[in-house]
């Protein structure tokens, strides 16, 4: 099975995944506040993607698995 970028060790802590989502939503809010509706919608799309990949679909690594198994 192919590993995705969401499986990178950087994304293991929950607070980082939530922070990415919050930054995207804040960016969208600033764009809407500034009157740029198109960029706000794009930022909301990023937030939706981040929520799906990093929060909903995220599969935490198995802590009991030996990390040396499967490495080449």
C-alpha atoms as a PDB file:
ATOM      1  CA  UNK A   1       0.000   0.000   0.000  1.00  0.00           C
ATOM      2  CA  UNK A   2       1.286   3.443  -0.862  1.00  0.00           C
ATOM      3  CA  UNK A   3       1.943   5.864   1.950  1.00  0.00           C
ATOM      4  CA  UNK A   4       0.384   9.269   1.603  1.00  0.00           C
ATOM      5  CA  UNK A   5       1.770  12.556   2.817  1.00  0.00           C
ATOM      6  CA  UNK A   6      -0.715  12.402   5.699  1.00  0.00           C
ATOM      7  CA  UNK A   7       1.214   9.407   7.048  1.00  0.00           C
ATOM      8  CA  UNK A   8       4.348  11.491   7.551  1.00  0.00           C
ATOM      9  CA  UNK A   9       5.576  11.490  11.190  1.00  0.00           C
ATOM     10  CA  UNK A  10       5.075  15.272  11.328  1.00  0.00           C
ATOM     11  CA  UNK A  11       1.306  14.730  11.383  1.00  0.00           C
ATOM     12  CA  UNK A  12       1.229  12.242  14.280  1.00  0.00           C
ATOM     13  CA  UNK A  13       0.331  14.776  17.020  1.00  0.00           C
ATOM     14  CA  UNK A  14      -3.354  15.666  16.961  1.00  0.00           C
ATOM     15  CA  UNK A  15      -2.670  19.334  17.739  1.00  0.00           C
ATOM     16  CA  UNK A  16      -0.730  19.761  14.471  1.00  0.00           C
ATOM     17  CA  UNK A  17      -3.537  18.316  12.393  1.00  0.00           C
ATOM     18  CA  UNK A  18      -6.065  20.551  14.127  1.00  0.00           C
ATOM     19  CA  UNK A  19      -3.779  23.584  13.714  1.00  0.00           C
ATOM     20  CA  UNK A  20      -3.601  23.058   9.942  1.00  0.00           C
ATOM     21  CA  UNK A  21      -7.387  22.982   9.765  1.00  0.00           C
ATOM     22  CA  UNK A  22      -7.757  26.076  11.968  1.00  0.00           C
ATOM     23  CA  UNK A  23      -5.222  28.046   9.915  1.00  0.00           C
ATOM     24  CA  UNK A  24      -7.139  27.259   6.719  1.00  0.00           C
ATOM     25  CA  UNK A  25     -10.444  28.346   8.263  1.00  0.00           C
ATOM     26  CA  UNK A  26      -8.837  31.542   9.635  1.00  0.00           C
ATOM     27  CA  UNK A  27      -7.366  32.265   6.207  1.00  0.00           C
ATOM     28  CA  UNK A  28     -10.817  31.865   4.672  1.00  0.00           C
ATOM     29  CA  UNK A  29     -12.272  34.208   7.271  1.00  0.00           C
ATOM     30  CA  UNK A  30      -9.678  36.863   6.518  1.00  0.00           C
ATOM     31  CA  UNK A  31     -10.326  36.559   2.796  1.00  0.00           C
ATOM     32  CA  UNK A  32     -14.084  36.924   3.271  1.00  0.00           C
ATOM     33  CA  UNK A  33     -13.537  39.854   5.646  1.00  0.00           C
ATOM     34  CA  UNK A  34     -11.313  41.527   3.071  1.00  0.00           C
ATOM     35  CA  UNK A  35     -13.971  41.144   0.396  1.00  0.00           C
ATOM     36  CA  UNK A  36     -12.271  38.454  -1.663  1.00  0.00           C
ATOM     37  CA  UNK A  37     -15.008  35.868  -1.957  1.00  0.00           C
ATOM     38  CA  UNK A  38     -13.223  33.685  -4.515  1.00  0.00           C
ATOM     39  CA  UNK A  39     -10.074  33.263  -2.409  1.00  0.00           C
ATOM     40  CA  UNK A  40     -12.257  32.653   0.639  1.00  0.00           C
ATOM     41  CA  UNK A  41     -13.970  29.768  -1.114  1.00  0.00           C
ATOM     42  CA  UNK A  42     -10.594  28.353  -2.149  1.00  0.00           C
ATOM     43  CA  UNK A  43      -9.345  28.566   1.446  1.00  0.00           C
ATOM     44  CA  UNK A  44     -12.531  26.835   2.637  1.00  0.00           C
ATOM     45  CA  UNK A  45     -11.864  24.082   0.120  1.00  0.00           C
ATOM     46  CA  UNK A  46      -8.381  23.678   1.636  1.00  0.00           C
ATOM     47  CA  UNK A  47      -9.975  23.522   5.090  1.00  0.00           C
ATOM     48  CA  UNK A  48     -12.427  20.873   3.927  1.00  0.00           C
ATOM     49  CA  UNK A  49      -9.617  18.805   2.432  1.00  0.00           C
ATOM     50  CA  UNK A  50      -7.549  19.174   5.609  1.00  0.00           C
ATOM     51  CA  UNK A  51     -10.499  18.137   7.771  1.00  0.00           C
ATOM     52  CA  UNK A  52     -11.120  15.062   5.648  1.00  0.00           C
ATOM     53  CA  UNK A  53      -7.500  13.909   5.281  1.00  0.00           C
ATOM     54  CA  UNK A  54      -5.990  14.933   8.623  1.00  0.00           C
ATOM     55  CA  UNK A  55      -8.948  14.541  10.983  1.00  0.00           C
ATOM     56  CA  UNK A  56     -11.619  12.246   9.532  1.00  0.00           C
ATOM     57  CA  UNK A  57      -9.566   9.761   7.506  1.00  0.00           C
ATOM     58  CA  UNK A  58      -6.351   9.850   9.566  1.00  0.00           C
ATOM     59  CA  UNK A  59      -5.213   6.383  10.631  1.00  0.00           C
ATOM     60  CA  UNK A  60      -2.773   6.587  13.565  1.00  0.00           C
ATOM     61  CA  UNK A  61       0.240   4.288  13.401  1.00  0.00           C
ATOM     62  CA  UNK A  62       0.087   1.071  15.372  1.00  0.00           C
ATOM     63  CA  UNK A  63       2.158   1.640  18.523  1.00  0.00           C
ATOM     64  CA  UNK A  64       2.703  -2.104  19.042  1.00  0.00           C
ATOM     65  CA  UNK A  65       4.194  -2.665  15.596  1.00  0.00           C
ATOM     66  CA  UNK A  66       7.962  -3.011  15.301  1.00  0.00           C
ATOM     67  CA  UNK A  67       9.152  -0.049  13.152  1.00  0.00           C
ATOM     68  CA  UNK A  68      12.029  -2.096  11.699  1.00  0.00           C
ATOM     69  CA  UNK A  69       9.643  -4.552  10.022  1.00  0.00           C
ATOM     70  CA  UNK A  70       8.991  -3.768   6.404  1.00  0.00           C
ATOM     71  CA  UNK A  71      11.952  -1.435   5.923  1.00  0.00           C
ATOM     72  CA  UNK A  72      14.288  -2.203   3.087  1.00  0.00           C
END
